[in-house]
Amino acid sequence: MERSSWAFNWRRVLLLRETSSLIMLFVVIIVFFSIAPLFLSKENVGVVLEIIPELGIVALGVTMLMITGEFDLSVGSVFAFCPIMMALFMDWGMNSVLAVLCALVIGAGLGALNGFITLTFGIPSFITTLGAMLIWRGGVLLLTGGWPPPFPVGMFTGALVGKIGILRVSLFWFGIITLILWFILERTDFGNWMFASGGNQIAARAMGIDVRRVKLANFMLCSLLAGFSGVIQSFRLETTLPSMGNGLEMEAIAATVIGGTALSGGVGTLIGTVVGSFLIRMIDNGLIMARAPSYWFRVFIGIATILAVILNTFVRERAKKLRC
């Protein structure tokens, strides 16, 4: 009986989609700590925690959208476009708080446009958002000429990136957003509609779910969070660079997949995405601490993404073999 209970509990752990990403995270920490002991120093941990929210918040939005069965490759461009618009609004004399709010509204609007085109014309979201990625990145360069607009003096940066010890306020924003989205996904009807819309649209429509509305809302949320994360980075750096967010869409999708969200939709976990975001930023920082060439980062992220899918499949198959 005791053996059966042990097997049942172990099986429940293995069935968690976060298990593989947690295993990889612990392995990465151990490996980099053995190579560079300063990897877990207070100062370096603080550096890692500063940059995790800027990826993690974007990845949360990507996760919500992917659960509904859609993609957004334009998040990196929106990440740059919103803070650039914020800086331009303030340069034109707009109040700083209003400028930030208007920039975020623009971000949500870009997501609504992606969703409208995808859902109205039946175009795969991969294609729609690929085009949007190029358009908004080009828009950033057209608006700025490739030069960062002046960052206003006296901005309320402390509200988003102020420091509390080794932590920044942005980490708390990341935690709050995670909790809110987790509650929506796991404890509300809208969360159930998301899983149903991504898992089987025909069945979802037969149940009376407005699949179009569910997906459109998540397109907007995804872009809104990308814009908000871009504002956070611009506040931390106290500048708005046209190159912000280059390659971020791939990192966000990688964090989502590493965390256990299925590319096919209908399956996903926000906690896994948080772990995936930590994993990617720790690999990035660990390679720097180990003085490895910068181009190794992309190689390791690619390997981590593939291994996460393989490991997730393995542990779930292993769990199925355990008998209660």
C-alpha atoms as a PDB file:
ATOM      1  CA  MET A   1       0.000   0.000   0.000  1.00  0.00           C
ATOM      2  CA  GLU A   2       2.860   2.354   0.902  1.00  0.00           C
ATOM      3  CA  ARG A   3       4.637   1.474  -2.338  1.00  0.00           C
ATOM      4  CA  SER A   4       1.443   2.170  -4.288  1.00  0.00           C
ATOM      5  CA  SER A   5       1.035   5.547  -2.595  1.00  0.00           C
ATOM      6  CA  TRP A   6       4.666   6.453  -3.392  1.00  0.00           C
ATOM      7  CA  ALA A   7       4.180   5.494  -7.037  1.00  0.00           C
ATOM      8  CA  PHE A   8       0.986   7.547  -7.231  1.00  0.00           C
ATOM      9  CA  ASN A   9       2.657  10.676  -5.829  1.00  0.00           C
ATOM     10  CA  TRP A  10       5.701  10.267  -8.079  1.00  0.00           C
ATOM     11  CA  ARG A  11       3.419   9.823 -11.067  1.00  0.00           C
ATOM     12  CA  ARG A  12       1.614  13.083 -10.239  1.00  0.00           C
ATOM     13  CA  VAL A  13       4.955  14.917 -10.138  1.00  0.00           C
ATOM     14  CA  LEU A  14       6.046  13.481 -13.475  1.00  0.00           C
ATOM     15  CA  LEU A  15       2.752  14.429 -15.110  1.00  0.00           C
ATOM     16  CA  LEU A  16       3.298  18.114 -14.299  1.00  0.00           C
ATOM     17  CA  ARG A  17       4.322  19.951 -17.467  1.00  0.00           C
ATOM     18  CA  GLU A  18       6.699  22.102 -15.411  1.00  0.00           C
ATOM     19  CA  THR A  19       8.761  19.093 -14.320  1.00  0.00           C
ATOM     20  CA  SER A  20      11.134  18.972 -17.291  1.00  0.00           C
ATOM     21  CA  SER A  21      11.844  22.716 -17.197  1.00  0.00           C
ATOM     22  CA  LEU A  22      12.520  22.572 -13.437  1.00  0.00           C
ATOM     23  CA  ILE A  23      14.941  19.693 -13.946  1.00  0.00           C
ATOM     24  CA  MET A  24      16.771  21.651 -16.638  1.00  0.00           C
ATOM     25  CA  LEU A  25      16.862  24.784 -14.472  1.00  0.00           C
ATOM     26  CA  PHE A  26      18.519  22.923 -11.586  1.00  0.00           C
ATOM     27  CA  VAL A  27      21.028  21.314 -13.957  1.00  0.00           C
ATOM     28  CA  VAL A  28      21.919  24.691 -15.483  1.00  0.00           C
ATOM     29  CA  ILE A  29      22.397  26.265 -12.039  1.00  0.00           C
ATOM     30  CA  ILE A  30      24.650  23.421 -10.886  1.00  0.00           C
ATOM     31  CA  VAL A  31      26.726  23.416 -14.097  1.00  0.00           C
ATOM     32  CA  PHE A  32      27.352  27.169 -14.183  1.00  0.00           C
ATOM     33  CA  PHE A  33      28.003  27.308 -10.439  1.00  0.00           C
ATOM     34  CA  SER A  34      30.662  24.605 -10.823  1.00  0.00           C
ATOM     35  CA  ILE A  35      32.274  26.546 -13.696  1.00  0.00           C
ATOM     36  CA  ALA A  36      31.967  30.012 -12.150  1.00  0.00           C
ATOM     37  CA  PRO A  37      31.251  30.041  -8.375  1.00  0.00           C
ATOM     38  CA  LEU A  38      30.365  33.747  -8.551  1.00  0.00           C
ATOM     39  CA  PHE A  39      27.320  32.704 -10.609  1.00  0.00           C
ATOM     40  CA  LEU A  40      25.285  32.445  -7.384  1.00  0.00           C
ATOM     41  CA  SER A  41      26.794  35.495  -5.710  1.00  0.00           C
ATOM     42  CA  LYS A  42      24.359  38.083  -4.354  1.00  0.00           C
ATOM     43  CA  GLU A  43      25.426  40.667  -6.916  1.00  0.00           C
ATOM     44  CA  ASN A  44      25.058  38.331  -9.901  1.00  0.00           C
ATOM     45  CA  VAL A  45      21.712  36.978  -8.732  1.00  0.00           C
ATOM     46  CA  GLY A  46      20.538  40.593  -8.530  1.00  0.00           C
ATOM     47  CA  VAL A  47      21.659  41.196 -12.116  1.00  0.00           C
ATOM     48  CA  VAL A  48      19.736  38.144 -13.346  1.00  0.00           C
ATOM     49  CA  LEU A  49      16.585  39.134 -11.458  1.00  0.00           C
ATOM     50  CA  GLU A  50      16.716  42.598 -13.047  1.00  0.00           C
ATOM     51  CA  ILE A  51      16.356  41.306 -16.600  1.00  0.00           C
ATOM     52  CA  ILE A  52      14.058  38.305 -16.128  1.00  0.00           C
ATOM     53  CA  PRO A  53      10.785  40.329 -15.995  1.00  0.00           C
ATOM     54  CA  GLU A  54      11.470  41.922 -19.388  1.00  0.00           C
ATOM     55  CA  LEU A  55      11.407  38.488 -21.009  1.00  0.00           C
ATOM     56  CA  GLY A  56       8.973  36.845 -18.616  1.00  0.00           C
ATOM     57  CA  ILE A  57       6.140  39.358 -19.037  1.00  0.00           C
ATOM     58  CA  VAL A  58       6.321  38.991 -22.823  1.00  0.00           C
ATOM     59  CA  ALA A  59       6.430  35.203 -22.513  1.00  0.00           C
ATOM     60  CA  LEU A  60       3.313  35.195 -20.321  1.00  0.00           C
ATOM     61  CA  GLY A  61       1.348  36.920 -23.078  1.00  0.00           C
ATOM     62  CA  VAL A  62       2.747  34.542 -25.683  1.00  0.00           C
ATOM     63  CA  THR A  63       1.718  31.599 -23.500  1.00  0.00           C
ATOM     64  CA  MET A  64      -1.859  32.808 -23.151  1.00  0.00           C
ATOM     65  CA  LEU A  65      -2.116  33.250 -26.917  1.00  0.00           C
ATOM     66  CA  MET A  66      -0.475  29.911 -27.729  1.00  0.00           C
ATOM     67  CA  ILE A  67      -2.928  28.099 -25.462  1.00  0.00           C
ATOM     68  CA  THR A  68      -5.693  29.367 -27.754  1.00  0.00           C
ATOM     69  CA  GLY A  69      -3.808  27.898 -30.728  1.00  0.00           C
ATOM     70  CA  GLU A  70      -2.305  31.121 -32.158  1.00  0.00           C
ATOM     71  CA  PHE A  71       1.157  32.705 -32.461  1.00  0.00           C
ATOM     72  CA  ASP A  72       2.516  36.231 -32.289  1.00  0.00           C
ATOM     73  CA  LEU A  73       5.925  36.807 -33.864  1.00  0.00           C
ATOM     74  CA  SER A  74       5.576  40.586 -33.633  1.00  0.00           C
ATOM     75  CA  VAL A  75       6.079  40.907 -29.858  1.00  0.00           C
ATOM     76  CA  GLY A  76       9.721  41.929 -30.262  1.00  0.00           C
ATOM     77  CA  SER A  77       8.768  44.778 -32.578  1.00  0.00           C
ATOM     78  CA  VAL A  78       5.888  45.877 -30.327  1.00  0.00           C
ATOM     79  CA  PHE A  79       8.364  45.734 -27.426  1.00  0.00           C
ATOM     80  CA  ALA A  80      10.321  48.512 -29.198  1.00  0.00           C
ATOM     81  CA  PHE A  81       7.420  50.360 -30.839  1.00  0.00           C
ATOM     82  CA  CYS A  82       5.497  51.196 -27.640  1.00  0.00           C
ATOM     83  CA  PRO A  83       8.344  52.843 -25.678  1.00  0.00           C
ATOM     84  CA  ILE A  84       9.404  54.736 -28.824  1.00  0.00           C
ATOM     85  CA  MET A  85       5.859  56.110 -29.125  1.00  0.00           C
ATOM     86  CA  MET A  86       5.899  56.928 -25.409  1.00  0.00           C
ATOM     87  CA  ALA A  87       9.111  58.940 -25.800  1.00  0.00           C
ATOM     88  CA  LEU A  88       7.786  60.730 -28.903  1.00  0.00           C
ATOM     89  CA  PHE A  89       4.516  61.625 -27.163  1.00  0.00           C
ATOM     90  CA  MET A  90       6.442  63.183 -24.291  1.00  0.00           C
ATOM     91  CA  ASP A  91       8.772  64.944 -26.708  1.00  0.00           C
ATOM     92  CA  TRP A  92       5.622  66.474 -28.273  1.00  0.00           C
ATOM     93  CA  GLY A  93       4.596  67.801 -24.834  1.00  0.00           C
ATOM     94  CA  MET A  94       2.273  65.083 -23.524  1.00  0.00           C
ATOM     95  CA  ASN A  95       2.102  64.307 -19.804  1.00  0.00           C
ATOM     96  CA  SER A  96       4.365  61.352 -18.908  1.00  0.00           C
ATOM     97  CA  VAL A  97       1.652  59.180 -17.346  1.00  0.00           C
ATOM     98  CA  LEU A  98      -0.708  59.832 -20.251  1.00  0.00           C
ATOM     99  CA  ALA A  99       2.106  59.093 -22.708  1.00  0.00           C
ATOM    100  CA  VAL A 100       2.719  55.690 -21.122  1.00  0.00           C
ATOM    101  CA  LEU A 101      -1.007  54.865 -21.120  1.00  0.00           C
ATOM    102  CA  CYS A 102      -1.374  55.922 -24.768  1.00  0.00           C
ATOM    103  CA  ALA A 103       1.626  53.783 -25.720  1.00  0.00           C
ATOM    104  CA  LEU A 104       0.064  50.770 -24.010  1.00  0.00           C
ATOM    105  CA  VAL A 105      -3.268  51.410 -25.733  1.00  0.00           C
ATOM    106  CA  ILE A 106      -1.382  51.437 -29.032  1.00  0.00           C
ATOM    107  CA  GLY A 107       0.185  48.108 -28.057  1.00  0.00           C
ATOM    108  CA  ALA A 108      -3.226  46.571 -27.392  1.00  0.00           C
ATOM    109  CA  GLY A 109      -4.450  48.069 -30.673  1.00  0.00           C
ATOM    110  CA  LEU A 110      -1.636  46.403 -32.613  1.00  0.00           C
ATOM    111  CA  GLY A 111      -2.665  43.093 -31.088  1.00  0.00           C
ATOM    112  CA  ALA A 112      -6.283  43.741 -32.018  1.00  0.00           C
ATOM    113  CA  LEU A 113      -5.183  44.411 -35.599  1.00  0.00           C
ATOM    114  CA  ASN A 114      -3.233  41.141 -35.684  1.00  0.00           C
ATOM    115  CA  GLY A 115      -6.252  39.284 -34.359  1.00  0.00           C
ATOM    116  CA  PHE A 116      -8.716  40.981 -36.697  1.00  0.00           C
ATOM    117  CA  ILE A 117      -6.680  40.174 -39.815  1.00  0.00           C
ATOM    118  CA  THR A 118      -6.004  36.601 -38.719  1.00  0.00           C
ATOM    119  CA  LEU A 119      -9.570  35.780 -37.713  1.00  0.00           C
ATOM    120  CA  THR A 120     -11.405  37.724 -40.424  1.00  0.00           C
ATOM    121  CA  PHE A 121      -9.402  36.532 -43.416  1.00  0.00           C
ATOM    122  CA  GLY A 122      -8.469  33.095 -42.118  1.00  0.00           C
ATOM    123  CA  ILE A 123      -4.733  33.777 -42.447  1.00  0.00           C
ATOM    124  CA  PRO A 124      -2.437  31.728 -40.196  1.00  0.00           C
ATOM    125  CA  SER A 125      -1.327  33.919 -37.291  1.00  0.00           C
ATOM    126  CA  PHE A 126       2.254  32.904 -38.027  1.00  0.00           C
ATOM    127  CA  ILE A 127       2.036  34.753 -41.363  1.00  0.00           C
ATOM    128  CA  THR A 128       0.040  37.724 -40.052  1.00  0.00           C
ATOM    129  CA  THR A 129       2.395  38.409 -37.179  1.00  0.00           C
ATOM    130  CA  LEU A 130       5.495  37.777 -39.281  1.00  0.00           C
ATOM    131  CA  GLY A 131       4.344  40.621 -41.501  1.00  0.00           C
ATOM    132  CA  ALA A 132       3.485  42.734 -38.466  1.00  0.00           C
ATOM    133  CA  MET A 133       6.942  42.090 -37.022  1.00  0.00           C
ATOM    134  CA  LEU A 134       8.529  43.596 -40.126  1.00  0.00           C
ATOM    135  CA  ILE A 135       6.044  46.478 -40.351  1.00  0.00           C
ATOM    136  CA  TRP A 136       6.405  47.673 -36.754  1.00  0.00           C
ATOM    137  CA  ARG A 137      10.169  47.235 -36.728  1.00  0.00           C
ATOM    138  CA  GLY A 138      10.291  49.285 -39.896  1.00  0.00           C
ATOM    139  CA  GLY A 139       7.922  51.790 -38.289  1.00  0.00           C
ATOM    140  CA  VAL A 140      10.349  52.224 -35.397  1.00  0.00           C
ATOM    141  CA  LEU A 141      13.178  53.010 -37.813  1.00  0.00           C
ATOM    142  CA  LEU A 142      11.010  55.386 -39.849  1.00  0.00           C
ATOM    143  CA  LEU A 143       9.931  57.308 -36.754  1.00  0.00           C
ATOM    144  CA  THR A 144      13.413  57.578 -35.290  1.00  0.00           C
ATOM    145  CA  GLY A 145      15.719  57.442 -38.300  1.00  0.00           C
ATOM    146  CA  GLY A 146      17.596  54.749 -36.392  1.00  0.00           C
ATOM    147  CA  TRP A 147      18.476  57.147 -33.547  1.00  0.00           C
ATOM    148  CA  PRO A 148      16.950  56.911 -30.060  1.00  0.00           C
ATOM    149  CA  PRO A 149      14.605  59.811 -29.228  1.00  0.00           C
ATOM    150  CA  PRO A 150      15.512  61.819 -26.105  1.00  0.00           C
ATOM    151  CA  PHE A 151      14.449  60.196 -22.854  1.00  0.00           C
ATOM    152  CA  PRO A 152      12.615  62.746 -20.700  1.00  0.00           C
ATOM    153  CA  VAL A 153      14.137  63.845 -17.408  1.00  0.00           C
ATOM    154  CA  GLY A 154      12.145  63.276 -14.214  1.00  0.00           C
ATOM    155  CA  MET A 155      10.211  60.221 -15.376  1.00  0.00           C
ATOM    156  CA  PHE A 156       8.483  58.114 -12.708  1.00  0.00           C
ATOM    157  CA  THR A 157      10.872  55.222 -13.343  1.00  0.00           C
ATOM    158  CA  GLY A 158      10.797  54.142  -9.699  1.00  0.00           C
ATOM    159  CA  ALA A 159       7.198  52.944 -10.053  1.00  0.00           C
ATOM    160  CA  LEU A 160       8.287  50.268 -12.534  1.00  0.00           C
ATOM    161  CA  VAL A 161      12.003  49.678 -12.000  1.00  0.00           C
ATOM    162  CA  GLY A 162      12.865  51.186  -8.603  1.00  0.00           C
ATOM    163  CA  LYS A 163      15.281  49.153  -6.483  1.00  0.00           C
ATOM    164  CA  ILE A 164      14.439  47.408  -3.221  1.00  0.00           C
ATOM    165  CA  GLY A 165      17.715  45.886  -2.056  1.00  0.00           C
ATOM    166  CA  ILE A 166      18.977  43.715  -4.898  1.00  0.00           C
ATOM    167  CA  LEU A 167      15.493  43.498  -6.415  1.00  0.00           C
ATOM    168  CA  ARG A 168      13.722  45.826  -8.823  1.00  0.00           C
ATOM    169  CA  VAL A 169      10.034  46.699  -8.682  1.00  0.00           C
ATOM    170  CA  SER A 170       9.668  45.164 -12.156  1.00  0.00           C
ATOM    171  CA  LEU A 171      10.098  41.710 -10.568  1.00  0.00           C
ATOM    172  CA  PHE A 172       7.042  42.381  -8.395  1.00  0.00           C
ATOM    173  CA  TRP A 173       5.090  43.519 -11.467  1.00  0.00           C
ATOM    174  CA  PHE A 174       6.085  40.230 -13.090  1.00  0.00           C
ATOM    175  CA  GLY A 175       4.810  38.311 -10.068  1.00  0.00           C
ATOM    176  CA  ILE A 176       1.528  40.231  -9.910  1.00  0.00           C
ATOM    177  CA  ILE A 177       0.842  39.748 -13.624  1.00  0.00           C
ATOM    178  CA  THR A 178       1.656  36.042 -13.309  1.00  0.00           C
ATOM    179  CA  LEU A 179      -0.797  35.606 -10.421  1.00  0.00           C
ATOM    180  CA  ILE A 180      -3.576  37.493 -12.205  1.00  0.00           C
ATOM    181  CA  LEU A 181      -3.167  35.541 -15.441  1.00  0.00           C
ATOM    182  CA  TRP A 182      -2.860  32.242 -13.543  1.00  0.00           C
ATOM    183  CA  PHE A 183      -6.145  32.967 -11.769  1.00  0.00           C
ATOM    184  CA  ILE A 184      -7.833  33.819 -15.078  1.00  0.00           C
ATOM    185  CA  LEU A 185      -6.461  30.711 -16.770  1.00  0.00           C
ATOM    186  CA  GLU A 186      -7.050  28.201 -13.992  1.00  0.00           C
ATOM    187  CA  ARG A 187     -10.007  29.554 -12.027  1.00  0.00           C
ATOM    188  CA  THR A 188     -12.354  31.287 -14.468  1.00  0.00           C
ATOM    189  CA  ASP A 189     -14.677  30.317 -17.293  1.00  0.00           C
ATOM    190  CA  PHE A 190     -12.604  32.439 -19.675  1.00  0.00           C
ATOM    191  CA  GLY A 191      -9.581  30.240 -18.917  1.00  0.00           C
ATOM    192  CA  ASN A 192     -11.623  27.139 -19.742  1.00  0.00           C
ATOM    193  CA  TRP A 193     -12.735  28.796 -22.979  1.00  0.00           C
ATOM    194  CA  MET A 194      -9.096  29.423 -23.865  1.00  0.00           C
ATOM    195  CA  PHE A 195      -8.142  25.765 -23.437  1.00  0.00           C
ATOM    196  CA  ALA A 196     -11.231  24.672 -25.366  1.00  0.00           C
ATOM    197  CA  SER A 197     -10.589  27.148 -28.197  1.00  0.00           C
ATOM    198  CA  GLY A 198      -7.035  25.936 -28.620  1.00  0.00           C
ATOM    199  CA  GLY A 199      -7.803  22.267 -28.169  1.00  0.00           C
ATOM    200  CA  ASN A 200     -10.807  21.825 -30.459  1.00  0.00           C
ATOM    201  CA  GLN A 201     -12.447  24.864 -32.056  1.00  0.00           C
ATOM    202  CA  ILE A 202     -15.362  22.899 -33.485  1.00  0.00           C
ATOM    203  CA  ALA A 203     -16.242  21.412 -30.111  1.00  0.00           C
ATOM    204  CA  ALA A 204     -15.757  24.798 -28.443  1.00  0.00           C
ATOM    205  CA  ARG A 205     -18.193  26.474 -30.844  1.00  0.00           C
ATOM    206  CA  ALA A 206     -20.668  23.629 -30.300  1.00  0.00           C
ATOM    207  CA  MET A 207     -20.496  24.399 -26.572  1.00  0.00           C
ATOM    208  CA  GLY A 208     -21.444  28.021 -27.297  1.00  0.00           C
ATOM    209  CA  ILE A 209     -17.962  29.506 -26.815  1.00  0.00           C
ATOM    210  CA  ASP A 210     -17.203  32.621 -28.854  1.00  0.00           C
ATOM    211  CA  VAL A 211     -13.818  31.407 -30.114  1.00  0.00           C
ATOM    212  CA  ARG A 212     -13.205  34.574 -32.128  1.00  0.00           C
ATOM    213  CA  ARG A 213     -13.665  36.814 -29.081  1.00  0.00           C
ATOM    214  CA  VAL A 214     -11.446  34.609 -26.919  1.00  0.00           C
ATOM    215  CA  LYS A 215      -8.622  34.662 -29.447  1.00  0.00           C
ATOM    216  CA  LEU A 216      -8.945  38.370 -30.180  1.00  0.00           C
ATOM    217  CA  ALA A 217      -8.734  39.186 -26.456  1.00  0.00           C
ATOM    218  CA  ASN A 218      -5.534  37.177 -26.184  1.00  0.00           C
ATOM    219  CA  PHE A 219      -3.989  38.799 -29.243  1.00  0.00           C
ATOM    220  CA  MET A 220      -4.582  42.145 -27.534  1.00  0.00           C
ATOM    221  CA  LEU A 221      -3.248  40.907 -24.198  1.00  0.00           C
ATOM    222  CA  CYS A 222      -0.116  39.516 -25.821  1.00  0.00           C
ATOM    223  CA  SER A 223       0.762  42.811 -27.522  1.00  0.00           C
ATOM    224  CA  LEU A 224      -0.203  44.847 -24.452  1.00  0.00           C
ATOM    225  CA  LEU A 225       2.207  42.869 -22.271  1.00  0.00           C
ATOM    226  CA  ALA A 226       4.945  43.156 -24.907  1.00  0.00           C
ATOM    227  CA  GLY A 227       4.519  46.935 -24.939  1.00  0.00           C
ATOM    228  CA  PHE A 228       4.462  47.106 -21.140  1.00  0.00           C
ATOM    229  CA  SER A 229       7.650  45.054 -20.930  1.00  0.00           C
ATOM    230  CA  GLY A 230       9.292  47.367 -23.459  1.00  0.00           C
ATOM    231  CA  VAL A 231       8.387  50.370 -21.305  1.00  0.00           C
ATOM    232  CA  ILE A 232       9.949  48.607 -18.305  1.00  0.00           C
ATOM    233  CA  GLN A 233      13.212  48.070 -20.180  1.00  0.00           C
ATOM    234  CA  SER A 234      13.294  51.659 -21.422  1.00  0.00           C
ATOM    235  CA  PHE A 235      12.768  52.860 -17.832  1.00  0.00           C
ATOM    236  CA  ARG A 236      15.572  50.626 -16.571  1.00  0.00           C
ATOM    237  CA  LEU A 237      18.012  51.763 -19.265  1.00  0.00           C
ATOM    238  CA  GLU A 238      16.621  55.329 -19.268  1.00  0.00           C
ATOM    239  CA  THR A 239      16.669  55.335 -23.051  1.00  0.00           C
ATOM    240  CA  THR A 240      14.514  54.069 -25.917  1.00  0.00           C
ATOM    241  CA  LEU A 241      16.623  52.196 -28.437  1.00  0.00           C
ATOM    242  CA  PRO A 242      15.202  51.321 -31.883  1.00  0.00           C
ATOM    243  CA  SER A 243      16.981  47.957 -31.600  1.00  0.00           C
ATOM    244  CA  MET A 244      15.136  46.971 -28.424  1.00  0.00           C
ATOM    245  CA  GLY A 245      13.494  43.564 -28.598  1.00  0.00           C
ATOM    246  CA  ASN A 246      15.502  42.178 -31.508  1.00  0.00           C
ATOM    247  CA  GLY A 247      15.109  38.394 -31.337  1.00  0.00           C
ATOM    248  CA  LEU A 248      12.861  38.639 -28.280  1.00  0.00           C
ATOM    249  CA  GLU A 249       9.984  36.860 -30.030  1.00  0.00           C
ATOM    250  CA  MET A 250      12.090  33.701 -30.404  1.00  0.00           C
ATOM    251  CA  GLU A 251      13.208  33.825 -26.773  1.00  0.00           C
ATOM    252  CA  ALA A 252       9.612  34.289 -25.588  1.00  0.00           C
ATOM    253  CA  ILE A 253       8.384  31.345 -27.650  1.00  0.00           C
ATOM    254  CA  ALA A 254      11.332  29.261 -26.422  1.00  0.00           C
ATOM    255  CA  ALA A 255      10.509  30.102 -22.784  1.00  0.00           C
ATOM    256  CA  THR A 256       6.895  29.118 -23.420  1.00  0.00           C
ATOM    257  CA  VAL A 257       7.760  25.807 -25.085  1.00  0.00           C
ATOM    258  CA  ILE A 258      10.431  24.971 -22.508  1.00  0.00           C
ATOM    259  CA  GLY A 259       7.792  25.607 -19.830  1.00  0.00           C
ATOM    260  CA  GLY A 260       5.505  22.947 -21.300  1.00  0.00           C
ATOM    261  CA  THR A 261       3.043  24.823 -23.523  1.00  0.00           C
ATOM    262  CA  ALA A 262       2.109  22.910 -26.674  1.00  0.00           C
ATOM    263  CA  LEU A 263       2.606  24.566 -30.049  1.00  0.00           C
ATOM    264  CA  SER A 264      -0.644  22.990 -31.215  1.00  0.00           C
ATOM    265  CA  GLY A 265      -2.699  24.839 -28.583  1.00  0.00           C
ATOM    266  CA  GLY A 266      -5.026  23.638 -25.857  1.00  0.00           C
ATOM    267  CA  VAL A 267      -2.240  22.840 -23.394  1.00  0.00           C
ATOM    268  CA  GLY A 268      -0.101  25.227 -21.392  1.00  0.00           C
ATOM    269  CA  THR A 269       1.117  26.402 -18.012  1.00  0.00           C
ATOM    270  CA  LEU A 270       2.098  29.874 -16.850  1.00  0.00           C
ATOM    271  CA  ILE A 271       4.268  28.549 -14.022  1.00  0.00           C
ATOM    272  CA  GLY A 272       6.242  26.587 -16.596  1.00  0.00           C
ATOM    273  CA  THR A 273       6.691  29.761 -18.628  1.00  0.00           C
ATOM    274  CA  VAL A 274       8.081  31.551 -15.570  1.00  0.00           C
ATOM    275  CA  VAL A 275      10.562  28.697 -15.073  1.00  0.00           C
ATOM    276  CA  GLY A 276      11.445  28.809 -18.783  1.00  0.00           C
ATOM    277  CA  SER A 277      12.114  32.539 -18.552  1.00  0.00           C
ATOM    278  CA  PHE A 278      14.409  32.019 -15.575  1.00  0.00           C
ATOM    279  CA  LEU A 279      16.185  29.229 -17.456  1.00  0.00           C
ATOM    280  CA  ILE A 280      16.860  31.344 -20.547  1.00  0.00           C
ATOM    281  CA  ARG A 281      18.165  34.330 -18.604  1.00  0.00           C
ATOM    282  CA  MET A 282      20.336  32.096 -16.409  1.00  0.00           C
ATOM    283  CA  ILE A 283      21.862  30.472 -19.497  1.00  0.00           C
ATOM    284  CA  ASP A 284      22.541  33.933 -20.907  1.00  0.00           C
ATOM    285  CA  ASN A 285      24.147  35.146 -17.687  1.00  0.00           C
ATOM    286  CA  GLY A 286      25.994  31.874 -17.049  1.00  0.00           C
ATOM    287  CA  LEU A 287      27.671  31.986 -20.442  1.00  0.00           C
ATOM    288  CA  ILE A 288      28.823  35.530 -19.717  1.00  0.00           C
ATOM    289  CA  MET A 289      30.174  34.466 -16.321  1.00  0.00           C
ATOM    290  CA  ALA A 290      31.960  31.543 -17.988  1.00  0.00           C
ATOM    291  CA  ARG A 291      33.384  34.007 -20.558  1.00  0.00           C
ATOM    292  CA  ALA A 292      31.951  32.026 -23.459  1.00  0.00           C
ATOM    293  CA  PRO A 293      31.526  33.772 -26.850  1.00  0.00           C
ATOM    294  CA  SER A 294      28.195  35.569 -27.130  1.00  0.00           C
ATOM    295  CA  TYR A 295      27.031  33.539 -30.128  1.00  0.00           C
ATOM    296  CA  TRP A 296      26.849  30.441 -27.926  1.00  0.00           C
ATOM    297  CA  PHE A 297      23.690  31.856 -26.334  1.00  0.00           C
ATOM    298  CA  ARG A 298      21.507  31.096 -29.360  1.00  0.00           C
ATOM    299  CA  VAL A 299      23.033  27.633 -29.634  1.00  0.00           C
ATOM    300  CA  PHE A 300      22.259  26.815 -25.996  1.00  0.00           C
ATOM    301  CA  ILE A 301      18.700  28.167 -26.188  1.00  0.00           C
ATOM    302  CA  GLY A 302      18.035  26.026 -29.265  1.00  0.00           C
ATOM    303  CA  ILE A 303      19.411  22.965 -27.500  1.00  0.00           C
ATOM    304  CA  ALA A 304      17.434  23.737 -24.345  1.00  0.00           C
ATOM    305  CA  THR A 305      14.177  24.076 -26.321  1.00  0.00           C
ATOM    306  CA  ILE A 306      14.622  20.715 -28.057  1.00  0.00           C
ATOM    307  CA  LEU A 307      15.740  18.972 -24.864  1.00  0.00           C
ATOM    308  CA  ALA A 308      12.778  20.373 -22.944  1.00  0.00           C
ATOM    309  CA  VAL A 309      10.297  18.880 -25.420  1.00  0.00           C
ATOM    310  CA  ILE A 310      12.141  15.544 -25.437  1.00  0.00           C
ATOM    311  CA  LEU A 311      12.425  15.469 -21.647  1.00  0.00           C
ATOM    312  CA  ASN A 312       8.788  16.449 -21.187  1.00  0.00           C
ATOM    313  CA  THR A 313       7.705  13.612 -23.475  1.00  0.00           C
ATOM    314  CA  PHE A 314       9.998  11.162 -21.676  1.00  0.00           C
ATOM    315  CA  VAL A 315       8.828  11.977 -18.148  1.00  0.00           C
ATOM    316  CA  ARG A 316       5.168  11.836 -19.148  1.00  0.00           C
ATOM    317  CA  GLU A 317       5.659   8.446 -20.807  1.00  0.00           C
ATOM    318  CA  ARG A 318       7.487   7.306 -17.683  1.00  0.00           C
ATOM    319  CA  ALA A 319       4.581   8.492 -15.537  1.00  0.00           C
ATOM    320  CA  LYS A 320       2.096   6.492 -17.595  1.00  0.00           C
ATOM    321  CA  LYS A 321       4.041   3.307 -16.870  1.00  0.00           C
ATOM    322  CA  LEU A 322       3.763   3.767 -13.124  1.00  0.00           C
ATOM    323  CA  ARG A 323       0.844   1.927 -11.571  1.00  0.00           C
ATOM    324  CA  CYS A 324      -1.167   3.340  -8.736  1.00  0.00           C
END
